[in-house]
Amino acid sequence: MKKFLFILMLLFTTTLSYSQTYYTDYMSRMIKVDSCWTDWTDWEQCVLEVNITDSVISIWNCQDYKILEITDIEEDSYSRTTRYKVSYNKDYTIYIRFRKQRNGIKQLYLDYDKIIYVYNLN
């Protein structure tokens, strides 16, 4: 009976609708005191996880971003970018952008007020 329940739970969890990907590297830039952005940092390697469902983007297995709305979809001859307005820690709102270039490169941007992180996704 325990084996049957285990197999049933395994089948249920594997059929849930989500996508999972891992970062390969990231870079960031910050806003200076005079409201100008710094240059991008050099790329740093990392291995972190992102899970996406219909209502939540989970990053680092510890930060959940609740999707409030899709605010913009931009497409040109080079890439397609979808921008989400999300909330986290109940009181904070930021924007998350998913960008897919025509050559297959995918990126995730976390746009905070004073810092932006960009992750290459594989």
PDB file of N, CA and C in Angstrom:
ATOM      1  N   MET A   1       0.821  -1.196   0.000  1.00  0.00           N
ATOM      2  CA  MET A   1       0.000   0.000   0.000  1.00  0.00           C
ATOM      3  C   MET A   1       0.866   1.262   0.000  1.00  0.00           C
ATOM      4  N   LYS A   2       1.954   1.257   0.777  1.00  0.00           N
ATOM      5  CA  LYS A   2       2.829   2.417   0.839  1.00  0.00           C
ATOM      6  C   LYS A   2       3.484   2.679  -0.521  1.00  0.00           C
ATOM      7  N   LYS A   3       3.874   1.597  -1.215  1.00  0.00           N
ATOM      8  CA  LYS A   3       4.460   1.761  -2.545  1.00  0.00           C
ATOM      9  C   LYS A   3       3.458   2.394  -3.501  1.00  0.00           C
ATOM     10  N   PHE A   4       2.224   1.963  -3.433  1.00  0.00           N
ATOM     11  CA  PHE A   4       1.194   2.502  -4.302  1.00  0.00           C
ATOM     12  C   PHE A   4       0.996   3.993  -4.041  1.00  0.00           C
ATOM     13  N   LEU A   5       0.922   4.393  -2.777  1.00  0.00           N
ATOM     14  CA  LEU A   5       0.765   5.809  -2.442  1.00  0.00           C
ATOM     15  C   LEU A   5       1.979   6.619  -2.895  1.00  0.00           C
ATOM     16  N   PHE A   6       3.164   6.061  -2.717  1.00  0.00           N
ATOM     17  CA  PHE A   6       4.377   6.750  -3.155  1.00  0.00           C
ATOM     18  C   PHE A   6       4.363   6.961  -4.670  1.00  0.00           C
ATOM     19  N   ILE A   7       4.022   5.946  -5.422  1.00  0.00           N
ATOM     20  CA  ILE A   7       3.966   6.053  -6.888  1.00  0.00           C
ATOM     21  C   ILE A   7       2.884   7.044  -7.311  1.00  0.00           C
ATOM     22  N   LEU A   8       1.745   7.007  -6.648  1.00  0.00           N
ATOM     23  CA  LEU A   8       0.672   7.941  -6.948  1.00  0.00           C
ATOM     24  C   LEU A   8       1.108   9.388  -6.690  1.00  0.00           C
ATOM     25  N   MET A   9       1.766   9.643  -5.583  1.00  0.00           N
ATOM     26  CA  MET A   9       2.264  10.987  -5.265  1.00  0.00           C
ATOM     27  C   MET A   9       3.336  11.410  -6.269  1.00  0.00           C
ATOM     28  N   LEU A  10       4.198  10.502  -6.648  1.00  0.00           N
ATOM     29  CA  LEU A  10       5.236  10.811  -7.626  1.00  0.00           C
ATOM     30  C   LEU A  10       4.618  11.193  -8.967  1.00  0.00           C
ATOM     31  N   LEU A  11       3.624  10.443  -9.416  1.00  0.00           N
ATOM     32  CA  LEU A  11       2.938  10.768 -10.665  1.00  0.00           C
ATOM     33  C   LEU A  11       2.240  12.119 -10.581  1.00  0.00           C
ATOM     34  N   PHE A  12       1.622  12.403  -9.462  1.00  0.00           N
ATOM     35  CA  PHE A  12       0.923  13.673  -9.289  1.00  0.00           C
ATOM     36  C   PHE A  12       1.897  14.855  -9.341  1.00  0.00           C
ATOM     37  N   THR A  13       3.006  14.754  -8.640  1.00  0.00           N
ATOM     38  CA  THR A  13       3.950  15.875  -8.606  1.00  0.00           C
ATOM     39  C   THR A  13       4.666  16.081  -9.927  1.00  0.00           C
ATOM     40  N   THR A  14       4.853  15.032 -10.709  1.00  0.00           N
ATOM     41  CA  THR A  14       5.538  15.200 -11.985  1.00  0.00           C
ATOM     42  C   THR A  14       4.615  15.726 -13.078  1.00  0.00           C
ATOM     43  N   THR A  15       3.313  15.690 -12.855  1.00  0.00           N
ATOM     44  CA  THR A  15       2.392  16.195 -13.869  1.00  0.00           C
ATOM     45  C   THR A  15       1.980  17.640 -13.616  1.00  0.00           C
ATOM     46  N   LEU A  16       2.421  18.236 -12.518  1.00  0.00           N
ATOM     47  CA  LEU A  16       2.103  19.639 -12.259  1.00  0.00           C
ATOM     48  C   LEU A  16       2.716  20.514 -13.337  1.00  0.00           C
ATOM     49  N   SER A  17       2.034  21.608 -13.660  1.00  0.00           N
ATOM     50  CA  SER A  17       2.470  22.481 -14.748  1.00  0.00           C
ATOM     51  C   SER A  17       3.459  23.521 -14.230  1.00  0.00           C
ATOM     52  N   TYR A  18       4.725  23.351 -14.517  1.00  0.00           N
ATOM     53  CA  TYR A  18       5.731  24.359 -14.209  1.00  0.00           C
ATOM     54  C   TYR A  18       6.935  24.120 -15.082  1.00  0.00           C
ATOM     55  N   SER A  19       7.746  25.151 -15.163  1.00  0.00           N
ATOM     56  CA  SER A  19       8.987  24.963 -15.894  1.00  0.00           C
ATOM     57  C   SER A  19      10.127  25.225 -14.932  1.00  0.00           C
ATOM     58  N   GLN A  20      11.207  24.547 -15.153  1.00  0.00           N
ATOM     59  CA  GLN A  20      12.354  24.661 -14.267  1.00  0.00           C
ATOM     60  C   GLN A  20      13.589  24.843 -15.125  1.00  0.00           C
ATOM     61  N   THR A  21      14.410  25.783 -14.740  1.00  0.00           N
ATOM     62  CA  THR A  21      15.632  26.012 -15.483  1.00  0.00           C
ATOM     63  C   THR A  21      16.710  26.435 -14.506  1.00  0.00           C
ATOM     64  N   TYR A  22      17.928  26.448 -14.955  1.00  0.00           N
ATOM     65  CA  TYR A  22      19.042  26.800 -14.090  1.00  0.00           C
ATOM     66  C   TYR A  22      19.818  27.937 -14.713  1.00  0.00           C
ATOM     67  N   TYR A  23      20.277  28.841 -13.884  1.00  0.00           N
ATOM     68  CA  TYR A  23      21.120  29.928 -14.356  1.00  0.00           C
ATOM     69  C   TYR A  23      22.502  29.388 -14.674  1.00  0.00           C
ATOM     70  N   THR A  24      23.145  29.986 -15.625  1.00  0.00           N
ATOM     71  CA  THR A  24      24.520  29.605 -15.907  1.00  0.00           C
ATOM     72  C   THR A  24      25.489  30.692 -15.489  1.00  0.00           C
ATOM     73  N   ASP A  25      25.091  31.942 -15.613  1.00  0.00           N
ATOM     74  CA  ASP A  25      25.921  33.039 -15.147  1.00  0.00           C
ATOM     75  C   ASP A  25      25.057  34.288 -15.004  1.00  0.00           C
ATOM     76  N   TYR A  26      25.596  35.308 -14.321  1.00  0.00           N
ATOM     77  CA  TYR A  26      24.833  36.523 -14.099  1.00  0.00           C
ATOM     78  C   TYR A  26      25.757  37.729 -14.060  1.00  0.00           C
ATOM     79  N   MET A  27      25.172  38.903 -14.185  1.00  0.00           N
ATOM     80  CA  MET A  27      25.873  40.158 -13.976  1.00  0.00           C
ATOM     81  C   MET A  27      24.880  41.160 -13.428  1.00  0.00           C
ATOM     82  N   SER A  28      25.375  42.288 -12.950  1.00  0.00           N
ATOM     83  CA  SER A  28      24.479  43.282 -12.371  1.00  0.00           C
ATOM     84  C   SER A  28      25.027  44.680 -12.606  1.00  0.00           C
ATOM     85  N   ARG A  29      24.190  45.653 -12.353  1.00  0.00           N
ATOM     86  CA  ARG A  29      24.629  47.035 -12.323  1.00  0.00           C
ATOM     87  C   ARG A  29      23.763  47.771 -11.321  1.00  0.00           C
ATOM     88  N   MET A  30      24.326  48.832 -10.741  1.00  0.00           N
ATOM     89  CA  MET A  30      23.626  49.575  -9.709  1.00  0.00           C
ATOM     90  C   MET A  30      23.475  51.034 -10.108  1.00  0.00           C
ATOM     91  N   ILE A  31      22.584  51.695  -9.410  1.00  0.00           N
ATOM     92  CA  ILE A  31      22.408  53.120  -9.622  1.00  0.00           C
ATOM     93  C   ILE A  31      23.356  53.842  -8.672  1.00  0.00           C
ATOM     94  N   LYS A  32      24.047  54.817  -9.173  1.00  0.00           N
ATOM     95  CA  LYS A  32      24.953  55.602  -8.336  1.00  0.00           C
ATOM     96  C   LYS A  32      24.170  56.650  -7.559  1.00  0.00           C
ATOM     97  N   VAL A  33      24.856  57.328  -6.696  1.00  0.00           N
ATOM     98  CA  VAL A  33      24.231  58.367  -5.887  1.00  0.00           C
ATOM     99  C   VAL A  33      23.610  59.449  -6.763  1.00  0.00           C
ATOM    100  N   ASP A  34      24.229  59.759  -7.884  1.00  0.00           N
ATOM    101  CA  ASP A  34      23.721  60.823  -8.759  1.00  0.00           C
ATOM    102  C   ASP A  34      22.670  60.320  -9.760  1.00  0.00           C
ATOM    103  N   SER A  35      22.057  59.197  -9.486  1.00  0.00           N
ATOM    104  CA  SER A  35      20.971  58.617 -10.287  1.00  0.00           C
ATOM    105  C   SER A  35      21.396  58.116 -11.654  1.00  0.00           C
ATOM    106  N   CYS A  36      22.674  57.900 -11.881  1.00  0.00           N
ATOM    107  CA  CYS A  36      23.154  57.313 -13.137  1.00  0.00           C
ATOM    108  C   CYS A  36      23.501  55.850 -12.884  1.00  0.00           C
ATOM    109  N   TRP A  37      23.264  55.019 -13.895  1.00  0.00           N
ATOM    110  CA  TRP A  37      23.581  53.601 -13.762  1.00  0.00           C
ATOM    111  C   TRP A  37      25.078  53.373 -13.941  1.00  0.00           C
ATOM    112  N   THR A  38      25.611  52.430 -13.197  1.00  0.00           N
ATOM    113  CA  THR A  38      27.005  52.022 -13.379  1.00  0.00           C
ATOM    114  C   THR A  38      27.095  51.125 -14.612  1.00  0.00           C
ATOM    115  N   ASP A  39      28.304  50.814 -15.027  1.00  0.00           N
ATOM    116  CA  ASP A  39      28.491  49.823 -16.081  1.00  0.00           C
ATOM    117  C   ASP A  39      28.120  48.451 -15.533  1.00  0.00           C
ATOM    118  N   TRP A  40      27.835  47.528 -16.445  1.00  0.00           N
ATOM    119  CA  TRP A  40      27.557  46.157 -16.026  1.00  0.00           C
ATOM    120  C   TRP A  40      28.827  45.537 -15.445  1.00  0.00           C
ATOM    121  N   THR A  41      28.652  44.692 -14.452  1.00  0.00           N
ATOM    122  CA  THR A  41      29.775  43.936 -13.911  1.00  0.00           C
ATOM    123  C   THR A  41      30.180  42.867 -14.916  1.00  0.00           C
ATOM    124  N   ASP A  42      31.293  42.201 -14.657  1.00  0.00           N
ATOM    125  CA  ASP A  42      31.666  41.053 -15.474  1.00  0.00           C
ATOM    126  C   ASP A  42      30.731  39.891 -15.145  1.00  0.00           C
ATOM    127  N   TRP A  43      30.606  38.963 -16.098  1.00  0.00           N
ATOM    128  CA  TRP A  43      29.773  37.783 -15.877  1.00  0.00           C
ATOM    129  C   TRP A  43      30.399  36.919 -14.794  1.00  0.00           C
ATOM    130  N   GLU A  44      29.580  36.424 -13.891  1.00  0.00           N
ATOM    131  CA  GLU A  44      29.988  35.492 -12.840  1.00  0.00           C
ATOM    132  C   GLU A  44      29.206  34.203 -13.023  1.00  0.00           C
ATOM    133  N   GLN A  45      29.868  33.073 -12.829  1.00  0.00           N
ATOM    134  CA  GLN A  45      29.174  31.789 -12.953  1.00  0.00           C
ATOM    135  C   GLN A  45      28.370  31.495 -11.699  1.00  0.00           C
ATOM    136  N   CYS A  46      27.251  30.839 -11.889  1.00  0.00           N
ATOM    137  CA  CYS A  46      26.428  30.424 -10.761  1.00  0.00           C
ATOM    138  C   CYS A  46      25.542  29.261 -11.195  1.00  0.00           C
ATOM    139  N   VAL A  47      25.032  28.560 -10.237  1.00  0.00           N
ATOM    140  CA  VAL A  47      24.078  27.483 -10.504  1.00  0.00           C
ATOM    141  C   VAL A  47      22.941  27.669  -9.511  1.00  0.00           C
ATOM    142  N   LEU A  48      21.860  28.255  -9.988  1.00  0.00           N
ATOM    143  CA  LEU A  48      20.678  28.472  -9.167  1.00  0.00           C
ATOM    144  C   LEU A  48      19.456  28.036  -9.958  1.00  0.00           C
ATOM    145  N   GLU A  49      18.348  27.956  -9.302  1.00  0.00           N
ATOM    146  CA  GLU A  49      17.153  27.369  -9.900  1.00  0.00           C
ATOM    147  C   GLU A  49      16.019  28.388  -9.964  1.00  0.00           C
ATOM    148  N   VAL A  50      15.228  28.321 -11.021  1.00  0.00           N
ATOM    149  CA  VAL A  50      14.012  29.126 -11.133  1.00  0.00           C
ATOM    150  C   VAL A  50      12.859  28.208 -11.528  1.00  0.00           C
ATOM    151  N   ASN A  51      11.739  28.364 -10.851  1.00  0.00           N
ATOM    152  CA  ASN A  51      10.524  27.609 -11.156  1.00  0.00           C
ATOM    153  C   ASN A  51       9.425  28.602 -11.491  1.00  0.00           C
ATOM    154  N   ILE A  52       8.678  28.319 -12.549  1.00  0.00           N
ATOM    155  CA  ILE A  52       7.644  29.233 -13.005  1.00  0.00           C
ATOM    156  C   ILE A  52       6.323  28.479 -13.081  1.00  0.00           C
ATOM    157  N   THR A  53       5.302  29.015 -12.413  1.00  0.00           N
ATOM    158  CA  THR A  53       3.946  28.493 -12.540  1.00  0.00           C
ATOM    159  C   THR A  53       3.083  29.601 -13.121  1.00  0.00           C
ATOM    160  N   ASP A  54       1.789  29.380 -13.161  1.00  0.00           N
ATOM    161  CA  ASP A  54       0.879  30.399 -13.694  1.00  0.00           C
ATOM    162  C   ASP A  54       0.829  31.650 -12.832  1.00  0.00           C
ATOM    163  N   SER A  55       1.125  31.533 -11.550  1.00  0.00           N
ATOM    164  CA  SER A  55       0.958  32.682 -10.659  1.00  0.00           C
ATOM    165  C   SER A  55       2.195  33.063  -9.861  1.00  0.00           C
ATOM    166  N   VAL A  56       3.255  32.232  -9.891  1.00  0.00           N
ATOM    167  CA  VAL A  56       4.422  32.493  -9.057  1.00  0.00           C
ATOM    168  C   VAL A  56       5.703  32.193  -9.831  1.00  0.00           C
ATOM    169  N   ILE A  57       6.680  33.066  -9.655  1.00  0.00           N
ATOM    170  CA  ILE A  57       8.042  32.817 -10.128  1.00  0.00           C
ATOM    171  C   ILE A  57       8.883  32.626  -8.883  1.00  0.00           C
ATOM    172  N   SER A  58       9.459  31.447  -8.732  1.00  0.00           N
ATOM    173  CA  SER A  58      10.255  31.123  -7.553  1.00  0.00           C
ATOM    174  C   SER A  58      11.725  31.093  -7.946  1.00  0.00           C
ATOM    175  N   ILE A  59      12.528  31.878  -7.241  1.00  0.00           N
ATOM    176  CA  ILE A  59      13.951  31.972  -7.539  1.00  0.00           C
ATOM    177  C   ILE A  59      14.726  31.646  -6.273  1.00  0.00           C
ATOM    178  N   TRP A  60      15.771  30.885  -6.435  1.00  0.00           N
ATOM    179  CA  TRP A  60      16.657  30.487  -5.341  1.00  0.00           C
ATOM    180  C   TRP A  60      15.970  29.592  -4.325  1.00  0.00           C
ATOM    181  N   ASN A  61      14.827  29.054  -4.646  1.00  0.00           N
ATOM    182  CA  ASN A  61      14.074  28.199  -3.719  1.00  0.00           C
ATOM    183  C   ASN A  61      13.781  28.865  -2.386  1.00  0.00           C
ATOM    184  N   CYS A  62      13.956  30.173  -2.329  1.00  0.00           N
ATOM    185  CA  CYS A  62      13.653  30.868  -1.081  1.00  0.00           C
ATOM    186  C   CYS A  62      12.906  32.167  -1.315  1.00  0.00           C
ATOM    187  N   GLN A  63      12.831  32.634  -2.557  1.00  0.00           N
ATOM    188  CA  GLN A  63      12.131  33.883  -2.841  1.00  0.00           C
ATOM    189  C   GLN A  63      11.040  33.629  -3.873  1.00  0.00           C
ATOM    190  N   ASP A  64       9.803  33.861  -3.477  1.00  0.00           N
ATOM    191  CA  ASP A  64       8.677  33.702  -4.385  1.00  0.00           C
ATOM    192  C   ASP A  64       8.169  35.074  -4.807  1.00  0.00           C
ATOM    193  N   TYR A  65       8.000  35.237  -6.103  1.00  0.00           N
ATOM    194  CA  TYR A  65       7.471  36.468  -6.668  1.00  0.00           C
ATOM    195  C   TYR A  65       6.082  36.175  -7.212  1.00  0.00           C
ATOM    196  N   LYS A  66       5.071  36.783  -6.622  1.00  0.00           N
ATOM    197  CA  LYS A  66       3.692  36.578  -7.074  1.00  0.00           C
ATOM    198  C   LYS A  66       3.455  37.464  -8.294  1.00  0.00           C
ATOM    199  N   ILE A  67       3.011  36.850  -9.391  1.00  0.00           N
ATOM    200  CA  ILE A  67       2.755  37.584 -10.622  1.00  0.00           C
ATOM    201  C   ILE A  67       1.470  38.391 -10.459  1.00  0.00           C
ATOM    202  N   LEU A  68       1.584  39.717 -10.580  1.00  0.00           N
ATOM    203  CA  LEU A  68       0.427  40.597 -10.494  1.00  0.00           C
ATOM    204  C   LEU A  68      -0.179  40.841 -11.873  1.00  0.00           C
ATOM    205  N   GLU A  69       0.700  41.057 -12.869  1.00  0.00           N
ATOM    206  CA  GLU A  69       0.222  41.275 -14.225  1.00  0.00           C
ATOM    207  C   GLU A  69       1.390  41.249 -15.204  1.00  0.00           C
ATOM    208  N   ILE A  70       1.063  41.003 -16.451  1.00  0.00           N
ATOM    209  CA  ILE A  70       2.031  41.176 -17.525  1.00  0.00           C
ATOM    210  C   ILE A  70       1.877  42.616 -17.974  1.00  0.00           C
ATOM    211  N   THR A  71       2.949  43.399 -17.848  1.00  0.00           N
ATOM    212  CA  THR A  71       2.835  44.823 -18.142  1.00  0.00           C
ATOM    213  C   THR A  71       3.212  45.177 -19.562  1.00  0.00           C
ATOM    214  N   ASP A  72       4.025  44.345 -20.204  1.00  0.00           N
ATOM    215  CA  ASP A  72       4.486  44.713 -21.532  1.00  0.00           C
ATOM    216  C   ASP A  72       5.069  43.491 -22.236  1.00  0.00           C
ATOM    217  N   ILE A  73       4.871  43.433 -23.535  1.00  0.00           N
ATOM    218  CA  ILE A  73       5.535  42.445 -24.381  1.00  0.00           C
ATOM    219  C   ILE A  73       6.134  43.211 -25.550  1.00  0.00           C
ATOM    220  N   GLU A  74       7.450  43.159 -25.652  1.00  0.00           N
ATOM    221  CA  GLU A  74       8.146  43.843 -26.739  1.00  0.00           C
ATOM    222  C   GLU A  74       8.772  42.802 -27.647  1.00  0.00           C
ATOM    223  N   GLU A  75       8.625  43.015 -28.936  1.00  0.00           N
ATOM    224  CA  GLU A  75       9.231  42.097 -29.896  1.00  0.00           C
ATOM    225  C   GLU A  75       9.819  42.909 -31.036  1.00  0.00           C
ATOM    226  N   ASP A  76      11.049  42.587 -31.382  1.00  0.00           N
ATOM    227  CA  ASP A  76      11.681  43.202 -32.538  1.00  0.00           C
ATOM    228  C   ASP A  76      12.389  42.105 -33.325  1.00  0.00           C
ATOM    229  N   SER A  77      13.196  42.489 -34.286  1.00  0.00           N
ATOM    230  CA  SER A  77      13.850  41.482 -35.121  1.00  0.00           C
ATOM    231  C   SER A  77      14.926  40.709 -34.371  1.00  0.00           C
ATOM    232  N   TYR A  78      15.302  41.166 -33.173  1.00  0.00           N
ATOM    233  CA  TYR A  78      16.385  40.551 -32.431  1.00  0.00           C
ATOM    234  C   TYR A  78      15.897  39.709 -31.245  1.00  0.00           C
ATOM    235  N   SER A  79      14.808  40.128 -30.584  1.00  0.00           N
ATOM    236  CA  SER A  79      14.390  39.420 -29.377  1.00  0.00           C
ATOM    237  C   SER A  79      12.918  39.682 -29.052  1.00  0.00           C
ATOM    238  N   ARG A  80      12.427  38.897 -28.094  1.00  0.00           N
ATOM    239  CA  ARG A  80      11.082  39.080 -27.534  1.00  0.00           C
ATOM    240  C   ARG A  80      11.235  39.164 -26.022  1.00  0.00           C
ATOM    241  N   THR A  81      10.656  40.205 -25.416  1.00  0.00           N
ATOM    242  CA  THR A  81      10.762  40.426 -23.978  1.00  0.00           C
ATOM    243  C   THR A  81       9.370  40.530 -23.374  1.00  0.00           C
ATOM    244  N   THR A  82       9.128  39.751 -22.325  1.00  0.00           N
ATOM    245  CA  THR A  82       7.879  39.822 -21.574  1.00  0.00           C
ATOM    246  C   THR A  82       8.208  40.373 -20.189  1.00  0.00           C
ATOM    247  N   ARG A  83       7.498  41.426 -19.796  1.00  0.00           N
ATOM    248  CA  ARG A  83       7.755  42.097 -18.514  1.00  0.00           C
ATOM    249  C   ARG A  83       6.582  41.841 -17.575  1.00  0.00           C
ATOM    250  N   TYR A  84       6.908  41.368 -16.371  1.00  0.00           N
ATOM    251  CA  TYR A  84       5.920  41.060 -15.352  1.00  0.00           C
ATOM    252  C   TYR A  84       6.069  42.023 -14.183  1.00  0.00           C
ATOM    253  N   LYS A  85       4.957  42.476 -13.669  1.00  0.00           N
ATOM    254  CA  LYS A  85       4.950  43.190 -12.392  1.00  0.00           C
ATOM    255  C   LYS A  85       4.680  42.134 -11.337  1.00  0.00           C
ATOM    256  N   VAL A  86       5.573  42.044 -10.342  1.00  0.00           N
ATOM    257  CA  VAL A  86       5.468  41.001  -9.323  1.00  0.00           C
ATOM    258  C   VAL A  86       5.586  41.607  -7.937  1.00  0.00           C
ATOM    259  N   SER A  87       5.082  40.894  -6.954  1.00  0.00           N
ATOM    260  CA  SER A  87       5.229  41.320  -5.562  1.00  0.00           C
ATOM    261  C   SER A  87       5.972  40.236  -4.793  1.00  0.00           C
ATOM    262  N   TYR A  88       6.691  40.670  -3.771  1.00  0.00           N
ATOM    263  CA  TYR A  88       7.385  39.734  -2.897  1.00  0.00           C
ATOM    264  C   TYR A  88       7.388  40.306  -1.487  1.00  0.00           C
ATOM    265  N   ASN A  89       7.501  39.455  -0.518  1.00  0.00           N
ATOM    266  CA  ASN A  89       7.454  39.843   0.898  1.00  0.00           C
ATOM    267  C   ASN A  89       6.235  40.705   1.206  1.00  0.00           C
ATOM    268  N   LYS A  90       5.163  40.504   0.514  1.00  0.00           N
ATOM    269  CA  LYS A  90       3.858  41.132   0.697  1.00  0.00           C
ATOM    270  C   LYS A  90       3.820  42.636   0.440  1.00  0.00           C
ATOM    271  N   ASP A  91       4.926  43.352   0.618  1.00  0.00           N
ATOM    272  CA  ASP A  91       4.884  44.806   0.523  1.00  0.00           C
ATOM    273  C   ASP A  91       5.694  45.398  -0.620  1.00  0.00           C
ATOM    274  N   TYR A  92       6.499  44.605  -1.290  1.00  0.00           N
ATOM    275  CA  TYR A  92       7.417  45.139  -2.292  1.00  0.00           C
ATOM    276  C   TYR A  92       7.000  44.712  -3.693  1.00  0.00           C
ATOM    277  N   THR A  93       7.197  45.616  -4.627  1.00  0.00           N
ATOM    278  CA  THR A  93       6.871  45.339  -6.019  1.00  0.00           C
ATOM    279  C   THR A  93       8.090  45.631  -6.881  1.00  0.00           C
ATOM    280  N   ILE A  94       8.399  44.712  -7.788  1.00  0.00           N
ATOM    281  CA  ILE A  94       9.471  44.921  -8.755  1.00  0.00           C
ATOM    282  C   ILE A  94       8.980  44.423 -10.109  1.00  0.00           C
ATOM    283  N   TYR A  95       9.859  44.514 -11.091  1.00  0.00           N
ATOM    284  CA  TYR A  95       9.558  43.980 -12.412  1.00  0.00           C
ATOM    285  C   TYR A  95      10.544  42.876 -12.747  1.00  0.00           C
ATOM    286  N   ILE A  96      10.039  41.832 -13.354  1.00  0.00           N
ATOM    287  CA  ILE A  96      10.867  40.734 -13.845  1.00  0.00           C
ATOM    288  C   ILE A  96      10.657  40.653 -15.347  1.00  0.00           C
ATOM    289  N   ARG A  97      11.765  40.588 -16.082  1.00  0.00           N
ATOM    290  CA  ARG A  97      11.675  40.481 -17.540  1.00  0.00           C
ATOM    291  C   ARG A  97      12.297  39.165 -17.994  1.00  0.00           C
ATOM    292  N   PHE A  98      11.597  38.483 -18.890  1.00  0.00           N
ATOM    293  CA  PHE A  98      12.139  37.313 -19.563  1.00  0.00           C
ATOM    294  C   PHE A  98      12.394  37.723 -21.000  1.00  0.00           C
ATOM    295  N   ARG A  99      13.620  37.537 -21.451  1.00  0.00           N
ATOM    296  CA  ARG A  99      14.008  37.944 -22.797  1.00  0.00           C
ATOM    297  C   ARG A  99      14.537  36.724 -23.542  1.00  0.00           C
ATOM    298  N   LYS A 100      14.016  36.508 -24.742  1.00  0.00           N
ATOM    299  CA  LYS A 100      14.509  35.420 -25.576  1.00  0.00           C
ATOM    300  C   LYS A 100      14.974  36.012 -26.889  1.00  0.00           C
ATOM    301  N   GLN A 101      16.257  35.815 -27.181  1.00  0.00           N
ATOM    302  CA  GLN A 101      16.822  36.328 -28.420  1.00  0.00           C
ATOM    303  C   GLN A 101      16.578  35.323 -29.540  1.00  0.00           C
ATOM    304  N   ARG A 102      16.642  35.794 -30.762  1.00  0.00           N
ATOM    305  CA  ARG A 102      16.406  34.940 -31.924  1.00  0.00           C
ATOM    306  C   ARG A 102      17.434  33.816 -32.022  1.00  0.00           C
ATOM    307  N   ASN A 103      18.634  34.035 -31.486  1.00  0.00           N
ATOM    308  CA  ASN A 103      19.669  33.000 -31.542  1.00  0.00           C
ATOM    309  C   ASN A 103      19.515  31.963 -30.429  1.00  0.00           C
ATOM    310  N   GLY A 104      18.419  32.037 -29.663  1.00  0.00           N
ATOM    311  CA  GLY A 104      18.134  31.032 -28.646  1.00  0.00           C
ATOM    312  C   GLY A 104      18.570  31.395 -27.239  1.00  0.00           C
ATOM    313  N   ILE A 105      19.311  32.463 -27.058  1.00  0.00           N
ATOM    314  CA  ILE A 105      19.743  32.874 -25.719  1.00  0.00           C
ATOM    315  C   ILE A 105      18.531  33.384 -24.938  1.00  0.00           C
ATOM    316  N   LYS A 106      18.386  32.890 -23.702  1.00  0.00           N
ATOM    317  CA  LYS A 106      17.305  33.320 -22.823  1.00  0.00           C
ATOM    318  C   LYS A 106      17.904  34.015 -21.613  1.00  0.00           C
ATOM    319  N   GLN A 107      17.269  35.105 -21.195  1.00  0.00           N
ATOM    320  CA  GLN A 107      17.751  35.855 -20.040  1.00  0.00           C
ATOM    321  C   GLN A 107      16.601  36.227 -19.121  1.00  0.00           C
ATOM    322  N   LEU A 108      16.924  36.335 -17.841  1.00  0.00           N
ATOM    323  CA  LEU A 108      15.994  36.758 -16.807  1.00  0.00           C
ATOM    324  C   LEU A 108      16.556  38.016 -16.166  1.00  0.00           C
ATOM    325  N   TYR A 109      15.762  39.087 -16.117  1.00  0.00           N
ATOM    326  CA  TYR A 109      16.165  40.340 -15.488  1.00  0.00           C
ATOM    327  C   TYR A 109      15.329  40.561 -14.243  1.00  0.00           C
ATOM    328  N   LEU A 110      15.977  40.923 -13.148  1.00  0.00           N
ATOM    329  CA  LEU A 110      15.293  41.352 -11.930  1.00  0.00           C
ATOM    330  C   LEU A 110      15.540  42.847 -11.808  1.00  0.00           C
ATOM    331  N   ASP A 111      14.499  43.647 -11.984  1.00  0.00           N
ATOM    332  CA  ASP A 111      14.624  45.100 -11.977  1.00  0.00           C
ATOM    333  C   ASP A 111      14.157  45.669 -10.644  1.00  0.00           C
ATOM    334  N   TYR A 112      15.102  45.855  -9.728  1.00  0.00           N
ATOM    335  CA  TYR A 112      14.816  46.526  -8.467  1.00  0.00           C
ATOM    336  C   TYR A 112      15.006  48.028  -8.673  1.00  0.00           C
ATOM    337  N   ASP A 113      14.659  48.823  -7.673  1.00  0.00           N
ATOM    338  CA  ASP A 113      14.785  50.273  -7.803  1.00  0.00           C
ATOM    339  C   ASP A 113      16.219  50.723  -8.067  1.00  0.00           C
ATOM    340  N   LYS A 114      17.169  50.128  -7.359  1.00  0.00           N
ATOM    341  CA  LYS A 114      18.538  50.626  -7.445  1.00  0.00           C
ATOM    342  C   LYS A 114      19.548  49.606  -7.927  1.00  0.00           C
ATOM    343  N   ILE A 115      19.081  48.465  -8.355  1.00  0.00           N
ATOM    344  CA  ILE A 115      19.991  47.453  -8.896  1.00  0.00           C
ATOM    345  C   ILE A 115      19.225  46.573  -9.882  1.00  0.00           C
ATOM    346  N   ILE A 116      19.919  46.127 -10.896  1.00  0.00           N
ATOM    347  CA  ILE A 116      19.355  45.205 -11.881  1.00  0.00           C
ATOM    348  C   ILE A 116      20.274  43.988 -11.960  1.00  0.00           C
ATOM    349  N   TYR A 117      19.687  42.813 -11.894  1.00  0.00           N
ATOM    350  CA  TYR A 117      20.425  41.568 -12.103  1.00  0.00           C
ATOM    351  C   TYR A 117      19.957  40.967 -13.410  1.00  0.00           C
ATOM    352  N   VAL A 118      20.885  40.415 -14.179  1.00  0.00           N
ATOM    353  CA  VAL A 118      20.513  39.684 -15.385  1.00  0.00           C
ATOM    354  C   VAL A 118      21.173  38.307 -15.324  1.00  0.00           C
ATOM    355  N   TYR A 119      20.397  37.278 -15.612  1.00  0.00           N
ATOM    356  CA  TYR A 119      20.864  35.903 -15.580  1.00  0.00           C
ATOM    357  C   TYR A 119      20.682  35.283 -16.961  1.00  0.00           C
ATOM    358  N   ASN A 120      21.703  34.617 -17.450  1.00  0.00           N
ATOM    359  CA  ASN A 120      21.541  33.785 -18.638  1.00  0.00           C
ATOM    360  C   ASN A 120      20.917  32.483 -18.190  1.00  0.00           C
ATOM    361  N   LEU A 121      19.934  31.997 -18.920  1.00  0.00           N
ATOM    362  CA  LEU A 121      19.238  30.764 -18.569  1.00  0.00           C
ATOM    363  C   LEU A 121      19.602  29.676 -19.557  1.00  0.00           C
ATOM    364  N   ASN A 122      19.665  28.461 -19.076  1.00  0.00           N
ATOM    365  CA  ASN A 122      19.906  27.342 -19.992  1.00  0.00           C
ATOM    366  C   ASN A 122      18.745  26.391 -19.962  1.00  0.00           C
TER     367      ASN A 122
END
